[in-house]
Amino acid sequence: MTIALSAGAVLSAVPASASVGDPIQTGCASDAYTVSTQPIKNGGGTVGQVQLRYSPRCGTNWAKTVSNIGTAYVQAIVASPSDSASYSATSTSVYTDMVYAPTGVCAVATGSINNGPWSTYAVGC
């Protein structure tokens, strides 16, 4: 389910199990910060990174995966105790829809490049 938000909308009324849409289209990316960043490694080299992003205003998290090796099959997954979202594409970076996870709720982001085994996760609580 995708919920369209107007500027200044409060997401605290959104049920914890609801997917709350695209962080850029909803405006939630405007106050977001990276909770955790982890490298995605291939042997000794870094082929990309996964980020767990958080918007305090919206109380939401999402995952972003970035390839350091140019265009590749890139996947991002985010999960909270009540929801999850994923997105993949042949690109240099991808991000997921948001999941509701206000302050104090743990969320996990997983990223992979070229269908793994090059994958890792970033955790935020």
Foldseek 3Di string as FASTA:
>chain_A
DEDAADPQDEQPPPDQQDFHFDCVRNVQVVQKDWQWKDFQDDVPHGQWIKTWMARQRHQKIKMKIFGPVFFFWKKKKKDWPRYIWIDTDRGRMDMTGIGHHHPPTKMKMKMATRVDVRIDMIIDD
